[in-house]
């Protein structure tokens, strides 16, 4: 392990400490793989695929097995410490959950994942509940569309 540990940053320390507290409250342990996954996700500003998390954890601690990373992602998602979102064609992305779970937009052009306000679909969820008795959980699926950058680059220019 030649690189400095990712949890050296304040964000990583806070993520690991918060997760450790939650795990203790639920009588679960902070394992090495869970600590490594949290440390890696705390260093990222975006969303990582499971394979990207596995690669980053391997760079941090080569002794953590791939299956352990997947189990840690699953456990931390179940506990609400990590939020996962299903993108198109079966891929899943992971990021630290900070406060209320938020929604995601997935650009069908460039593949970017954009964070959206957690209350964006509250009115739709309430309408579904009232009209169909359906409880919507939009936090695990990304809304498809086009990001600002791709939309701007596809705007036709007027002949000059």
N, C-alpha and C. Protein backbone atom coordinates (compact mmCIF):
# COMPACT_ATOMS: atom_id res chain seq x y z
N UNK A 1 0.85 -1.17 0.00
CA UNK A 1 0.00 0.00 0.00
C UNK A 1 0.89 1.23 0.00
N UNK A 2 1.30 1.67 -1.17
CA UNK A 2 2.22 2.80 -1.27
C UNK A 2 1.52 4.15 -1.21
N UNK A 3 0.29 4.21 -1.69
CA UNK A 3 -0.45 5.49 -1.67
C UNK A 3 -0.94 5.76 -0.25
N UNK A 4 -1.07 7.04 0.10
CA UNK A 4 -1.63 7.34 1.42
C UNK A 4 -3.07 6.83 1.49
N UNK A 5 -3.50 6.41 2.66
CA UNK A 5 -4.86 5.88 2.76
C UNK A 5 -5.89 6.94 2.39
N UNK A 6 -6.91 6.55 1.59
CA UNK A 6 -7.93 7.52 1.18
C UNK A 6 -8.63 8.17 2.36
N UNK A 7 -8.76 7.48 3.50
CA UNK A 7 -9.50 8.10 4.58
C UNK A 7 -8.75 9.22 5.26
N UNK A 8 -7.62 9.65 4.68
CA UNK A 8 -6.89 10.79 5.23
C UNK A 8 -7.67 12.09 5.06
N UNK A 9 -8.59 12.15 4.09
CA UNK A 9 -9.34 13.39 3.87
C UNK A 9 -10.44 13.53 4.93
N UNK A 10 -10.83 14.77 5.22
CA UNK A 10 -11.92 14.98 6.19
C UNK A 10 -13.22 14.31 5.75
N UNK A 11 -13.53 14.34 4.45
CA UNK A 11 -14.77 13.71 3.96
C UNK A 11 -14.74 12.21 4.21
N UNK A 12 -13.61 11.60 3.94
CA UNK A 12 -13.49 10.15 4.14
C UNK A 12 -13.58 9.81 5.62
N UNK A 13 -12.89 10.59 6.46
CA UNK A 13 -12.95 10.34 7.91
C UNK A 13 -14.38 10.45 8.41
N UNK A 14 -15.10 11.49 7.98
CA UNK A 14 -16.48 11.68 8.42
C UNK A 14 -17.37 10.54 7.94
N UNK A 15 -17.16 10.09 6.70
CA UNK A 15 -17.96 8.99 6.17
C UNK A 15 -17.72 7.70 6.95
N UNK A 16 -16.46 7.41 7.20
CA UNK A 16 -16.13 6.19 7.93
C UNK A 16 -16.64 6.26 9.37
N UNK A 17 -16.47 7.42 10.02
CA UNK A 17 -16.94 7.57 11.40
C UNK A 17 -18.46 7.49 11.48
N UNK A 18 -19.15 8.13 10.55
CA UNK A 18 -20.62 8.07 10.54
C UNK A 18 -21.12 6.66 10.30
N UNK A 19 -20.48 5.97 9.37
CA UNK A 19 -20.87 4.59 9.09
C UNK A 19 -20.57 3.70 10.28
N UNK A 20 -19.43 3.91 10.93
CA UNK A 20 -19.07 3.11 12.10
C UNK A 20 -20.10 3.28 13.21
N UNK A 21 -20.55 4.50 13.42
CA UNK A 21 -21.57 4.77 14.44
C UNK A 21 -22.87 4.04 14.10
N UNK A 22 -23.30 4.15 12.85
CA UNK A 22 -24.52 3.48 12.42
C UNK A 22 -24.39 1.97 12.55
N UNK A 23 -23.25 1.44 12.16
CA UNK A 23 -23.04 -0.01 12.25
C UNK A 23 -23.09 -0.46 13.72
N UNK A 24 -22.45 0.29 14.62
CA UNK A 24 -22.49 -0.06 16.05
C UNK A 24 -23.92 -0.04 16.57
N UNK A 25 -24.69 0.97 16.18
CA UNK A 25 -26.09 1.06 16.62
C UNK A 25 -26.89 -0.16 16.17
N UNK A 26 -26.51 -0.72 15.03
CA UNK A 26 -27.22 -1.89 14.50
C UNK A 26 -26.51 -3.19 14.84
N UNK A 27 -25.55 -3.09 15.74
CA UNK A 27 -24.78 -4.25 16.21
C UNK A 27 -24.08 -5.00 15.08
N UNK A 28 -23.55 -4.22 14.16
CA UNK A 28 -22.76 -4.76 13.06
C UNK A 28 -21.35 -4.22 13.17
N UNK A 29 -20.42 -4.85 12.46
CA UNK A 29 -19.02 -4.48 12.56
C UNK A 29 -18.57 -3.63 11.38
N UNK A 30 -17.55 -2.81 11.65
CA UNK A 30 -16.88 -2.06 10.59
C UNK A 30 -15.72 -2.94 10.14
N UNK A 31 -15.94 -3.68 9.07
CA UNK A 31 -14.91 -4.59 8.56
C UNK A 31 -13.91 -3.82 7.71
N UNK A 32 -12.79 -4.44 7.42
CA UNK A 32 -11.79 -3.83 6.54
C UNK A 32 -12.35 -3.50 5.17
N UNK A 33 -13.08 -4.44 4.53
CA UNK A 33 -13.65 -4.12 3.22
C UNK A 33 -14.67 -2.97 3.28
N UNK A 34 -15.47 -2.91 4.32
CA UNK A 34 -16.43 -1.81 4.45
C UNK A 34 -15.70 -0.48 4.60
N UNK A 35 -14.65 -0.48 5.42
CA UNK A 35 -13.85 0.74 5.60
C UNK A 35 -13.20 1.16 4.28
N UNK A 36 -12.67 0.20 3.54
CA UNK A 36 -12.02 0.51 2.26
C UNK A 36 -13.02 1.07 1.26
N UNK A 37 -14.21 0.46 1.17
CA UNK A 37 -15.24 0.94 0.24
C UNK A 37 -15.66 2.36 0.61
N UNK A 38 -15.92 2.60 1.88
CA UNK A 38 -16.31 3.94 2.31
C UNK A 38 -15.22 4.96 2.02
N UNK A 39 -13.98 4.59 2.26
CA UNK A 39 -12.87 5.50 2.01
C UNK A 39 -12.76 5.86 0.54
N UNK A 40 -12.94 4.86 -0.32
CA UNK A 40 -12.88 5.11 -1.76
C UNK A 40 -14.04 6.01 -2.20
N UNK A 41 -15.25 5.69 -1.76
CA UNK A 41 -16.41 6.50 -2.17
C UNK A 41 -16.34 7.92 -1.62
N UNK A 42 -15.73 8.09 -0.46
CA UNK A 42 -15.61 9.44 0.12
C UNK A 42 -14.66 10.31 -0.69
N UNK A 43 -13.76 9.70 -1.45
CA UNK A 43 -12.82 10.46 -2.27
C UNK A 43 -13.42 10.90 -3.60
N UNK A 44 -14.55 10.30 -3.97
CA UNK A 44 -15.14 10.55 -5.28
C UNK A 44 -16.23 11.60 -5.20
N UNK A 45 -16.32 12.42 -6.23
CA UNK A 45 -17.41 13.40 -6.29
C UNK A 45 -18.54 12.87 -7.15
N UNK A 46 -18.30 11.81 -7.90
CA UNK A 46 -19.32 11.26 -8.78
C UNK A 46 -19.78 9.90 -8.31
N UNK A 47 -20.28 9.13 -9.24
CA UNK A 47 -20.81 7.80 -8.96
C UNK A 47 -19.91 6.78 -9.62
N UNK A 48 -19.60 5.71 -8.91
CA UNK A 48 -18.72 4.67 -9.41
C UNK A 48 -19.48 3.36 -9.63
N UNK A 49 -19.11 2.65 -10.67
CA UNK A 49 -19.65 1.31 -10.86
C UNK A 49 -19.01 0.39 -9.82
N UNK A 50 -19.59 -0.77 -9.62
CA UNK A 50 -19.02 -1.73 -8.69
C UNK A 50 -17.59 -2.10 -9.11
N UNK A 51 -17.37 -2.27 -10.41
CA UNK A 51 -16.02 -2.61 -10.89
C UNK A 51 -15.03 -1.48 -10.62
N UNK A 52 -15.48 -0.24 -10.74
CA UNK A 52 -14.60 0.89 -10.42
C UNK A 52 -14.28 0.93 -8.92
N UNK A 53 -15.25 0.59 -8.09
CA UNK A 53 -15.00 0.52 -6.65
C UNK A 53 -14.01 -0.60 -6.36
N UNK A 54 -14.20 -1.76 -6.99
CA UNK A 54 -13.28 -2.89 -6.80
C UNK A 54 -11.86 -2.48 -7.18
N UNK A 55 -11.69 -1.82 -8.31
CA UNK A 55 -10.35 -1.39 -8.76
C UNK A 55 -9.74 -0.38 -7.80
N UNK A 56 -10.54 0.58 -7.35
CA UNK A 56 -10.02 1.59 -6.43
C UNK A 56 -9.65 0.97 -5.08
N UNK A 57 -10.46 0.04 -4.60
CA UNK A 57 -10.15 -0.64 -3.34
C UNK A 57 -8.87 -1.46 -3.50
N UNK A 58 -8.70 -2.12 -4.64
CA UNK A 58 -7.49 -2.91 -4.88
C UNK A 58 -6.25 -2.04 -4.86
N UNK A 59 -6.36 -0.82 -5.38
CA UNK A 59 -5.22 0.11 -5.35
C UNK A 59 -4.92 0.55 -3.92
N UNK A 60 -5.95 0.61 -3.09
CA UNK A 60 -5.82 1.01 -1.70
C UNK A 60 -5.34 -0.14 -0.84
N UNK A 61 -5.92 -1.33 -1.03
CA UNK A 61 -5.57 -2.50 -0.24
C UNK A 61 -5.77 -3.74 -1.10
N UNK A 62 -4.69 -4.24 -1.67
CA UNK A 62 -4.75 -5.38 -2.59
C UNK A 62 -5.26 -6.65 -1.91
N UNK A 63 -5.27 -6.68 -0.60
CA UNK A 63 -5.71 -7.87 0.13
C UNK A 63 -7.22 -8.01 0.23
N UNK A 64 -7.98 -6.99 -0.18
CA UNK A 64 -9.44 -7.06 -0.11
C UNK A 64 -9.95 -7.75 -1.38
N UNK A 65 -10.63 -8.87 -1.18
CA UNK A 65 -11.14 -9.66 -2.30
C UNK A 65 -12.33 -8.98 -2.96
N UNK A 66 -12.46 -9.20 -4.26
CA UNK A 66 -13.55 -8.63 -5.06
C UNK A 66 -14.93 -8.93 -4.44
N UNK A 67 -15.14 -10.18 -4.03
CA UNK A 67 -16.43 -10.57 -3.45
C UNK A 67 -16.69 -9.80 -2.15
N UNK A 68 -15.65 -9.50 -1.41
CA UNK A 68 -15.81 -8.73 -0.16
C UNK A 68 -16.26 -7.31 -0.46
N UNK A 69 -15.76 -6.75 -1.55
CA UNK A 69 -16.17 -5.39 -1.95
C UNK A 69 -17.66 -5.40 -2.31
N UNK A 70 -18.09 -6.40 -3.08
CA UNK A 70 -19.50 -6.50 -3.45
C UNK A 70 -20.39 -6.67 -2.22
N UNK A 71 -19.96 -7.52 -1.27
CA UNK A 71 -20.73 -7.71 -0.04
C UNK A 71 -20.79 -6.41 0.76
N UNK A 72 -19.67 -5.69 0.81
CA UNK A 72 -19.63 -4.41 1.54
C UNK A 72 -20.56 -3.40 0.88
N UNK A 73 -20.56 -3.31 -0.44
CA UNK A 73 -21.45 -2.39 -1.14
C UNK A 73 -22.91 -2.72 -0.84
N UNK A 74 -23.23 -4.00 -0.86
CA UNK A 74 -24.61 -4.44 -0.58
C UNK A 74 -25.01 -4.08 0.85
N UNK A 75 -24.16 -4.39 1.81
CA UNK A 75 -24.47 -4.12 3.22
C UNK A 75 -24.58 -2.62 3.48
N UNK A 76 -23.66 -1.84 2.95
CA UNK A 76 -23.67 -0.40 3.17
C UNK A 76 -24.87 0.26 2.47
N UNK A 77 -25.29 -0.29 1.35
CA UNK A 77 -26.50 0.21 0.67
C UNK A 77 -27.73 -0.10 1.52
N UNK A 78 -27.80 -1.32 2.02
CA UNK A 78 -28.93 -1.74 2.86
C UNK A 78 -29.04 -0.86 4.10
N UNK A 79 -27.90 -0.46 4.65
CA UNK A 79 -27.87 0.38 5.85
C UNK A 79 -28.14 1.85 5.55
N UNK A 80 -28.14 2.22 4.26
CA UNK A 80 -28.39 3.61 3.90
C UNK A 80 -27.16 4.50 3.94
N UNK A 81 -25.98 3.92 4.10
CA UNK A 81 -24.74 4.68 4.14
C UNK A 81 -24.27 4.98 2.71
N UNK A 82 -24.54 4.04 1.82
CA UNK A 82 -24.20 4.17 0.40
C UNK A 82 -25.51 4.13 -0.37
N UNK A 83 -25.63 4.97 -1.37
CA UNK A 83 -26.81 4.97 -2.22
C UNK A 83 -26.42 4.39 -3.57
N UNK A 84 -27.23 3.47 -4.07
CA UNK A 84 -26.97 2.93 -5.40
C UNK A 84 -28.10 3.33 -6.33
N UNK A 85 -27.76 3.42 -7.59
CA UNK A 85 -28.76 3.77 -8.61
C UNK A 85 -28.54 2.87 -9.81
N UNK A 86 -29.65 2.35 -10.34
CA UNK A 86 -29.59 1.50 -11.52
C UNK A 86 -29.65 2.37 -12.76
N UNK A 87 -28.63 2.22 -13.59
CA UNK A 87 -28.56 2.97 -14.83
C UNK A 87 -29.05 2.06 -15.95
N UNK A 88 -29.08 2.56 -17.14
CA UNK A 88 -29.56 1.76 -18.27
C UNK A 88 -28.77 0.49 -18.47
N UNK A 89 -29.42 -0.53 -19.00
CA UNK A 89 -28.81 -1.80 -19.38
C UNK A 89 -28.16 -2.54 -18.21
N UNK A 90 -28.76 -2.44 -17.03
CA UNK A 90 -28.34 -3.26 -15.91
C UNK A 90 -27.15 -2.79 -15.11
N UNK A 91 -26.52 -1.70 -15.46
CA UNK A 91 -25.38 -1.25 -14.68
C UNK A 91 -25.86 -0.49 -13.43
N UNK A 92 -25.05 -0.54 -12.39
CA UNK A 92 -25.37 0.12 -11.12
C UNK A 92 -24.22 1.01 -10.74
N UNK A 93 -24.53 2.19 -10.20
CA UNK A 93 -23.51 3.12 -9.74
C UNK A 93 -23.71 3.37 -8.24
N UNK A 94 -22.61 3.65 -7.54
CA UNK A 94 -22.63 3.83 -6.09
C UNK A 94 -22.01 5.16 -5.71
N UNK A 95 -22.53 5.75 -4.64
CA UNK A 95 -21.97 6.97 -4.05
C UNK A 95 -22.37 7.00 -2.58
N UNK A 96 -21.65 7.78 -1.81
CA UNK A 96 -22.03 7.94 -0.41
C UNK A 96 -23.40 8.61 -0.34
N UNK A 97 -24.22 8.15 0.57
CA UNK A 97 -25.51 8.79 0.82
C UNK A 97 -25.26 9.91 1.81
N UNK A 98 -25.66 11.09 1.46
CA UNK A 98 -25.46 12.23 2.34
C UNK A 98 -26.81 12.88 2.59
N UNK A 99 -27.33 12.70 3.79
CA UNK A 99 -28.65 13.24 4.11
C UNK A 99 -29.74 12.44 3.44
N UNK A 100 -30.76 13.15 2.97
CA UNK A 100 -31.88 12.50 2.30
C UNK A 100 -31.42 11.91 0.97
N UNK A 101 -31.87 10.68 0.65
CA UNK A 101 -31.51 10.13 -0.67
C UNK A 101 -31.96 11.08 -1.78
N UNK A 102 -31.13 11.18 -2.80
CA UNK A 102 -31.45 12.07 -3.91
C UNK A 102 -31.75 11.25 -5.16
N UNK A 103 -32.24 11.92 -6.17
CA UNK A 103 -32.56 11.27 -7.43
C UNK A 103 -31.41 11.46 -8.41
N UNK A 104 -31.49 10.75 -9.51
CA UNK A 104 -30.41 10.81 -10.50
C UNK A 104 -30.98 10.94 -11.91
N UNK A 105 -30.24 11.65 -12.75
CA UNK A 105 -30.51 11.71 -14.18
C UNK A 105 -29.34 11.04 -14.88
N UNK A 106 -29.61 10.28 -15.92
CA UNK A 106 -28.56 9.58 -16.66
C UNK A 106 -28.61 10.03 -18.11
N UNK A 107 -27.52 10.66 -18.57
CA UNK A 107 -27.47 11.17 -19.94
C UNK A 107 -27.33 10.02 -20.92
N UNK A 108 -28.29 9.94 -21.84
CA UNK A 108 -28.26 8.87 -22.82
C UNK A 108 -27.22 9.12 -23.91
N UNK A 109 -26.63 10.31 -23.95
CA UNK A 109 -25.59 10.61 -24.94
C UNK A 109 -24.20 10.29 -24.42
N UNK A 110 -23.83 10.89 -23.29
CA UNK A 110 -22.46 10.74 -22.80
C UNK A 110 -22.33 9.80 -21.61
N UNK A 111 -23.46 9.40 -21.01
CA UNK A 111 -23.42 8.49 -19.88
C UNK A 111 -23.24 9.15 -18.52
N UNK A 112 -23.19 10.48 -18.48
CA UNK A 112 -23.00 11.19 -17.21
C UNK A 112 -24.18 10.91 -16.28
N UNK A 113 -23.88 10.86 -14.98
CA UNK A 113 -24.90 10.72 -13.96
C UNK A 113 -24.99 12.06 -13.22
N UNK A 114 -26.18 12.63 -13.19
CA UNK A 114 -26.40 13.94 -12.61
C UNK A 114 -27.25 13.80 -11.35
N UNK A 115 -26.81 14.40 -10.26
CA UNK A 115 -27.60 14.39 -9.03
C UNK A 115 -28.78 15.36 -9.17
N UNK A 116 -29.96 14.91 -8.73
CA UNK A 116 -31.17 15.72 -8.77
C UNK A 116 -31.75 15.82 -7.36
N UNK A 117 -32.52 16.84 -7.11
CA UNK A 117 -33.12 17.06 -5.79
C UNK A 117 -33.96 15.85 -5.37
N UNK A 118 -33.87 15.50 -4.11
CA UNK A 118 -34.60 14.35 -3.58
C UNK A 118 -36.11 14.52 -3.59
N UNK A 119 -36.58 15.77 -3.60
CA UNK A 119 -38.02 16.02 -3.56
C UNK A 119 -38.63 16.27 -4.94
N UNK A 120 -37.84 16.08 -5.98
CA UNK A 120 -38.28 16.39 -7.34
C UNK A 120 -39.56 15.67 -7.74
N UNK A 121 -39.71 14.43 -7.32
CA UNK A 121 -40.88 13.64 -7.73
C UNK A 121 -41.89 13.45 -6.60
N UNK A 122 -41.80 14.25 -5.55
CA UNK A 122 -42.72 14.09 -4.41
C UNK A 122 -44.19 14.21 -4.82
N UNK A 123 -44.50 15.17 -5.67
CA UNK A 123 -45.90 15.34 -6.10
C UNK A 123 -46.37 14.14 -6.92
N UNK A 124 -45.50 13.62 -7.77
CA UNK A 124 -45.83 12.44 -8.56
C UNK A 124 -46.04 11.24 -7.62
N UNK A 125 -45.15 11.09 -6.64
CA UNK A 125 -45.27 9.98 -5.69
C UNK A 125 -46.58 10.07 -4.91
N UNK A 126 -46.95 11.27 -4.50
CA UNK A 126 -48.19 11.45 -3.76
C UNK A 126 -49.39 11.13 -4.64
N UNK A 127 -49.36 11.56 -5.87
CA UNK A 127 -50.46 11.27 -6.79
C UNK A 127 -50.59 9.76 -7.04
N UNK A 128 -49.47 9.09 -7.22
CA UNK A 128 -49.49 7.63 -7.41
C UNK A 128 -50.06 6.94 -6.18
N UNK A 129 -49.69 7.43 -5.00
CA UNK A 129 -50.18 6.83 -3.75
C UNK A 129 -51.70 6.98 -3.64
N UNK A 130 -52.19 8.19 -3.94
CA UNK A 130 -53.62 8.46 -3.82
C UNK A 130 -54.45 7.76 -4.89
N UNK A 131 -53.98 7.81 -6.14
CA UNK A 131 -54.78 7.29 -7.25
C UNK A 131 -54.63 5.78 -7.47
N UNK A 132 -53.46 5.25 -7.19
CA UNK A 132 -53.23 3.83 -7.49
C UNK A 132 -52.82 3.00 -6.28
N UNK A 133 -52.64 3.67 -5.13
CA UNK A 133 -52.19 2.94 -3.95
C UNK A 133 -50.77 2.43 -4.12
N UNK A 134 -49.99 3.09 -4.97
CA UNK A 134 -48.63 2.66 -5.29
C UNK A 134 -47.61 3.54 -4.57
N UNK A 135 -46.69 2.90 -3.86
CA UNK A 135 -45.64 3.64 -3.14
C UNK A 135 -44.39 3.69 -4.02
N UNK A 136 -44.10 4.85 -4.56
CA UNK A 136 -42.97 5.05 -5.45
C UNK A 136 -41.67 5.21 -4.67
N UNK A 137 -40.62 4.52 -5.12
CA UNK A 137 -39.27 4.72 -4.59
C UNK A 137 -38.36 5.04 -5.77
N UNK A 138 -38.24 6.32 -6.13
CA UNK A 138 -37.48 6.69 -7.33
C UNK A 138 -35.97 6.79 -7.11
N UNK A 139 -35.48 6.51 -5.91
CA UNK A 139 -34.07 6.73 -5.62
C UNK A 139 -33.14 5.67 -6.20
N UNK A 140 -33.69 4.54 -6.63
CA UNK A 140 -32.83 3.47 -7.13
C UNK A 140 -32.74 3.42 -8.65
N UNK A 141 -33.49 4.27 -9.33
CA UNK A 141 -33.50 4.25 -10.79
C UNK A 141 -33.22 5.66 -11.30
N UNK A 142 -32.40 5.74 -12.33
CA UNK A 142 -32.07 7.05 -12.91
C UNK A 142 -33.09 7.42 -13.98
N UNK A 143 -33.42 8.70 -14.01
CA UNK A 143 -34.26 9.23 -15.08
C UNK A 143 -33.39 9.41 -16.32
N UNK A 144 -33.86 8.94 -17.46
CA UNK A 144 -33.09 9.05 -18.70
C UNK A 144 -33.34 10.38 -19.38
N UNK A 145 -32.33 10.90 -20.01
CA UNK A 145 -32.47 12.16 -20.73
C UNK A 145 -31.14 12.60 -21.29
N UNK A 146 -30.99 13.90 -21.46
CA UNK A 146 -29.77 14.47 -22.01
C UNK A 146 -29.25 15.53 -21.05
N UNK A 147 -27.98 15.45 -20.71
CA UNK A 147 -27.39 16.41 -19.78
C UNK A 147 -27.25 17.79 -20.45
N UNK A 148 -27.00 18.78 -19.65
CA UNK A 148 -26.89 20.17 -20.13
C UNK A 148 -25.81 20.29 -21.21
N UNK A 149 -24.67 19.66 -20.98
CA UNK A 149 -23.55 19.77 -21.92
C UNK A 149 -23.89 19.16 -23.28
N UNK A 150 -24.48 17.97 -23.27
CA UNK A 150 -24.84 17.32 -24.54
C UNK A 150 -25.96 18.07 -25.24
N UNK A 151 -26.90 18.59 -24.48
CA UNK A 151 -28.00 19.36 -25.07
C UNK A 151 -27.46 20.63 -25.73
N UNK A 152 -26.49 21.27 -25.07
CA UNK A 152 -25.92 22.51 -25.62
C UNK A 152 -25.13 22.23 -26.90
N UNK A 153 -24.44 21.08 -26.94
CA UNK A 153 -23.63 20.80 -28.12
C UNK A 153 -24.47 20.32 -29.29
N UNK A 154 -25.71 19.96 -29.05
CA UNK A 154 -26.57 19.49 -30.16
C UNK A 154 -27.51 20.58 -30.66
N UNK A 155 -27.40 21.78 -30.08
CA UNK A 155 -28.26 22.90 -30.52
C UNK A 155 -27.81 23.33 -31.91
N UNK A 156 -28.74 23.33 -32.86
CA UNK A 156 -28.34 23.74 -34.22
C UNK A 156 -27.97 25.22 -34.25
N UNK A 157 -26.96 25.51 -35.00
CA UNK A 157 -26.55 26.91 -35.13
C UNK A 157 -27.26 27.50 -36.36
N UNK A 158 -27.59 28.77 -36.26
CA UNK A 158 -28.27 29.42 -37.40
C UNK A 158 -27.23 29.82 -38.43
N UNK A 159 -27.60 29.71 -39.68
CA UNK A 159 -26.64 30.10 -40.73
C UNK A 159 -26.32 31.58 -40.64
N UNK A 160 -25.08 31.87 -40.78
CA UNK A 160 -24.67 33.24 -40.55
C UNK A 160 -24.30 33.93 -41.75
